[in-house]
Amino acid sequence: MEILAVICEKKELCTSAKGGRAVTRFKDEEIIEKVTENTIKKESVYKKRGAIVEHPFETIKPHFGYTYFLTRGLESVNIEVIFICLAYNFKRLINIIGVKEFIQKFKGGSASLLNSFYYF
């Protein structure tokens, strides 16, 4: 990340230091400011996202005990994430439709089980 240093032209007004006062900004500081401004403007959207999207992660980490990955390598970690998400989805489905309904749908084949996800 490149940092730009600008020497203030009116240094006599605010400092008595010989070198003057330097203002340091990141090269892309304007972009960062725009992103921050947009985030503040769309606060309600981010709150809604936090309520919807962040809940699974909040549930998976403490309740399932997954604070780190047990496997190494990108492919292994991807498979581990798939299993964690599958466990979360099964738990959620059981909480929504109940154990008996879940077992009936499971015995009915994967198509009837997958249809349950589309209705909720």
C-alpha atoms as a PDB file:
ATOM      1  CA  MET A   1       0.000   0.000   0.000  1.00  0.00           C
ATOM      2  CA  GLU A   2       1.540   3.270  -1.100  1.00  0.00           C
ATOM      3  CA  ILE A   3       1.453   6.225   1.297  1.00  0.00           C
ATOM      4  CA  LEU A   4       1.669   9.771   0.050  1.00  0.00           C
ATOM      5  CA  ALA A   5       3.140  12.509   2.246  1.00  0.00           C
ATOM      6  CA  VAL A   6       2.193  16.111   1.514  1.00  0.00           C
ATOM      7  CA  ILE A   7       3.969  19.063   3.087  1.00  0.00           C
ATOM      8  CA  CYS A   8       1.535  21.762   4.156  1.00  0.00           C
ATOM      9  CA  GLU A   9       2.083  25.074   2.381  1.00  0.00           C
ATOM     10  CA  LYS A  10       0.792  27.109   5.332  1.00  0.00           C
ATOM     11  CA  LYS A  11       2.987  25.512   7.963  1.00  0.00           C
ATOM     12  CA  GLU A  12       3.751  28.852   9.619  1.00  0.00           C
ATOM     13  CA  LEU A  13       0.097  29.163  10.674  1.00  0.00           C
ATOM     14  CA  CYS A  14      -0.111  25.948  12.656  1.00  0.00           C
ATOM     15  CA  THR A  15       3.376  24.848  13.680  1.00  0.00           C
ATOM     16  CA  SER A  16       6.775  26.214  14.527  1.00  0.00           C
ATOM     17  CA  ALA A  17       8.596  23.020  13.522  1.00  0.00           C
ATOM     18  CA  LYS A  18      11.316  23.551  10.943  1.00  0.00           C
ATOM     19  CA  GLY A  19      10.177  20.625   8.806  1.00  0.00           C
ATOM     20  CA  GLY A  20       6.559  21.748   8.962  1.00  0.00           C
ATOM     21  CA  ARG A  21       3.566  19.512   9.440  1.00  0.00           C
ATOM     22  CA  ALA A  22       3.096  16.577   7.085  1.00  0.00           C
ATOM     23  CA  VAL A  23      -0.261  15.141   6.133  1.00  0.00           C
ATOM     24  CA  THR A  24      -0.102  11.437   5.371  1.00  0.00           C
ATOM     25  CA  ARG A  25      -2.769   9.723   3.262  1.00  0.00           C
ATOM     26  CA  PHE A  26      -3.051   6.373   1.567  1.00  0.00           C
ATOM     27  CA  LYS A  27      -2.846   6.428  -2.201  1.00  0.00           C
ATOM     28  CA  ASP A  28      -6.503   5.340  -2.499  1.00  0.00           C
ATOM     29  CA  GLU A  29      -7.815   7.312   0.487  1.00  0.00           C
ATOM     30  CA  GLU A  30     -10.590   8.896  -1.608  1.00  0.00           C
ATOM     31  CA  ILE A  31     -11.960   5.467  -2.494  1.00  0.00           C
ATOM     32  CA  ILE A  32     -11.887   4.414   1.156  1.00  0.00           C
ATOM     33  CA  GLU A  33     -13.775   7.593   2.098  1.00  0.00           C
ATOM     34  CA  LYS A  34     -16.437   6.890  -0.577  1.00  0.00           C
ATOM     35  CA  VAL A  35     -16.898   3.318   0.683  1.00  0.00           C
ATOM     36  CA  THR A  36     -17.245   4.585   4.245  1.00  0.00           C
ATOM     37  CA  GLU A  37     -19.763   7.212   3.150  1.00  0.00           C
ATOM     38  CA  ASN A  38     -21.821   4.627   1.225  1.00  0.00           C
ATOM     39  CA  THR A  39     -21.742   2.297   4.226  1.00  0.00           C
ATOM     40  CA  ILE A  40     -23.114   5.039   6.474  1.00  0.00           C
ATOM     41  CA  LYS A  41     -25.821   5.927   3.927  1.00  0.00           C
ATOM     42  CA  LYS A  42     -26.943   2.297   3.611  1.00  0.00           C
ATOM     43  CA  GLU A  43     -26.838   1.441   7.314  1.00  0.00           C
ATOM     44  CA  SER A  44     -30.269  -0.224   7.248  1.00  0.00           C
ATOM     45  CA  VAL A  45     -29.180  -2.539   4.411  1.00  0.00           C
ATOM     46  CA  TYR A  46     -26.086  -3.597   6.351  1.00  0.00           C
ATOM     47  CA  LYS A  47     -28.142  -4.211   9.503  1.00  0.00           C
ATOM     48  CA  LYS A  48     -30.545  -6.402   7.517  1.00  0.00           C
ATOM     49  CA  ARG A  49     -27.618  -8.287   6.005  1.00  0.00           C
ATOM     50  CA  GLY A  50     -26.154  -8.805   9.438  1.00  0.00           C
ATOM     51  CA  ALA A  51     -29.441 -10.221  10.695  1.00  0.00           C
ATOM     52  CA  ILE A  52     -29.827 -12.625   7.758  1.00  0.00           C
ATOM     53  CA  VAL A  53     -26.352 -13.621   6.629  1.00  0.00           C
ATOM     54  CA  GLU A  54     -24.317 -13.496   9.803  1.00  0.00           C
ATOM     55  CA  HIS A  55     -26.650 -15.753  11.810  1.00  0.00           C
ATOM     56  CA  PRO A  56     -25.365 -19.043  10.357  1.00  0.00           C
ATOM     57  CA  PHE A  57     -21.777 -18.127  11.199  1.00  0.00           C
ATOM     58  CA  GLU A  58     -22.803 -17.073  14.691  1.00  0.00           C
ATOM     59  CA  THR A  59     -24.502 -20.444  15.136  1.00  0.00           C
ATOM     60  CA  ILE A  60     -21.804 -22.591  13.547  1.00  0.00           C
ATOM     61  CA  LYS A  61     -18.834 -21.242  15.463  1.00  0.00           C
ATOM     62  CA  PRO A  62     -19.890 -21.505  19.124  1.00  0.00           C
ATOM     63  CA  HIS A  63     -22.644 -24.148  18.958  1.00  0.00           C
ATOM     64  CA  PHE A  64     -20.903 -26.575  16.632  1.00  0.00           C
ATOM     65  CA  GLY A  65     -17.464 -25.826  18.067  1.00  0.00           C
ATOM     66  CA  TYR A  66     -15.855 -24.870  14.754  1.00  0.00           C
ATOM     67  CA  THR A  67     -13.398 -22.130  15.585  1.00  0.00           C
ATOM     68  CA  TYR A  68     -10.707 -23.420  13.225  1.00  0.00           C
ATOM     69  CA  PHE A  69     -10.402 -25.942  10.405  1.00  0.00           C
ATOM     70  CA  LEU A  70      -9.220 -29.449  11.191  1.00  0.00           C
ATOM     71  CA  THR A  71      -7.861 -30.149   7.713  1.00  0.00           C
ATOM     72  CA  ARG A  72      -5.081 -28.568   5.673  1.00  0.00           C
ATOM     73  CA  GLY A  73      -5.092 -27.521   2.046  1.00  0.00           C
ATOM     74  CA  LEU A  74      -7.694 -25.591   0.084  1.00  0.00           C
ATOM     75  CA  GLU A  75      -9.541 -28.628  -1.270  1.00  0.00           C
ATOM     76  CA  SER A  76      -9.789 -30.280   2.148  1.00  0.00           C
ATOM     77  CA  VAL A  77     -10.940 -27.076   3.821  1.00  0.00           C
ATOM     78  CA  ASN A  78     -13.590 -26.547   1.102  1.00  0.00           C
ATOM     79  CA  ILE A  79     -14.945 -30.049   1.732  1.00  0.00           C
ATOM     80  CA  GLU A  80     -14.929 -29.408   5.489  1.00  0.00           C
ATOM     81  CA  VAL A  81     -16.917 -26.200   4.962  1.00  0.00           C
ATOM     82  CA  ILE A  82     -19.432 -28.112   2.819  1.00  0.00           C
ATOM     83  CA  PHE A  83     -19.957 -30.645   5.622  1.00  0.00           C
ATOM     84  CA  ILE A  84     -20.298 -27.892   8.239  1.00  0.00           C
ATOM     85  CA  CYS A  85     -22.910 -26.110   6.081  1.00  0.00           C
ATOM     86  CA  LEU A  86     -24.734 -29.391   5.476  1.00  0.00           C
ATOM     87  CA  ALA A  87     -24.882 -30.043   9.223  1.00  0.00           C
ATOM     88  CA  TYR A  88     -26.167 -26.504   9.812  1.00  0.00           C
ATOM     89  CA  ASN A  89     -28.847 -26.882   7.125  1.00  0.00           C
ATOM     90  CA  PHE A  90     -29.983 -30.242   8.525  1.00  0.00           C
ATOM     91  CA  LYS A  91     -30.186 -28.758  12.016  1.00  0.00           C
ATOM     92  CA  ARG A  92     -32.171 -25.794  10.709  1.00  0.00           C
ATOM     93  CA  LEU A  93     -34.511 -28.023   8.720  1.00  0.00           C
ATOM     94  CA  ILE A  94     -35.137 -30.240  11.764  1.00  0.00           C
ATOM     95  CA  ASN A  95     -35.913 -27.152  13.858  1.00  0.00           C
ATOM     96  CA  ILE A  96     -38.382 -25.918  11.235  1.00  0.00           C
ATOM     97  CA  ILE A  97     -40.255 -29.093  10.254  1.00  0.00           C
ATOM     98  CA  GLY A  98     -39.509 -31.393  13.202  1.00  0.00           C
ATOM     99  CA  VAL A  99     -37.719 -34.697  13.539  1.00  0.00           C
ATOM    100  CA  LYS A 100     -40.605 -36.935  12.407  1.00  0.00           C
ATOM    101  CA  GLU A 101     -41.249 -34.914   9.247  1.00  0.00           C
ATOM    102  CA  PHE A 102     -37.504 -34.815   8.538  1.00  0.00           C
ATOM    103  CA  ILE A 103     -37.226 -38.612   8.803  1.00  0.00           C
ATOM    104  CA  GLN A 104     -40.257 -39.104   6.547  1.00  0.00           C
ATOM    105  CA  LYS A 105     -38.812 -36.790   3.918  1.00  0.00           C
ATOM    106  CA  PHE A 106     -35.390 -38.421   4.267  1.00  0.00           C
ATOM    107  CA  LYS A 107     -36.898 -41.877   3.687  1.00  0.00           C
ATOM    108  CA  GLY A 108     -38.807 -40.486   0.699  1.00  0.00           C
ATOM    109  CA  GLY A 109     -35.568 -39.767  -1.134  1.00  0.00           C
ATOM    110  CA  SER A 110     -33.358 -36.757  -1.639  1.00  0.00           C
ATOM    111  CA  ALA A 111     -35.832 -35.017  -3.990  1.00  0.00           C
ATOM    112  CA  SER A 112     -38.532 -34.709  -1.320  1.00  0.00           C
ATOM    113  CA  LEU A 113     -35.940 -33.570   1.215  1.00  0.00           C
ATOM    114  CA  LEU A 114     -34.578 -30.909  -1.132  1.00  0.00           C
ATOM    115  CA  ASN A 115     -38.109 -29.655  -1.831  1.00  0.00           C
ATOM    116  CA  SER A 116     -38.410 -28.847   1.869  1.00  0.00           C
ATOM    117  CA  PHE A 117     -35.655 -26.249   1.488  1.00  0.00           C
ATOM    118  CA  TYR A 118     -37.524 -24.460  -1.300  1.00  0.00           C
ATOM    119  CA  TYR A 119     -40.673 -23.990   0.764  1.00  0.00           C
ATOM    120  CA  PHE A 120     -38.914 -22.226   3.607  1.00  0.00           C
END
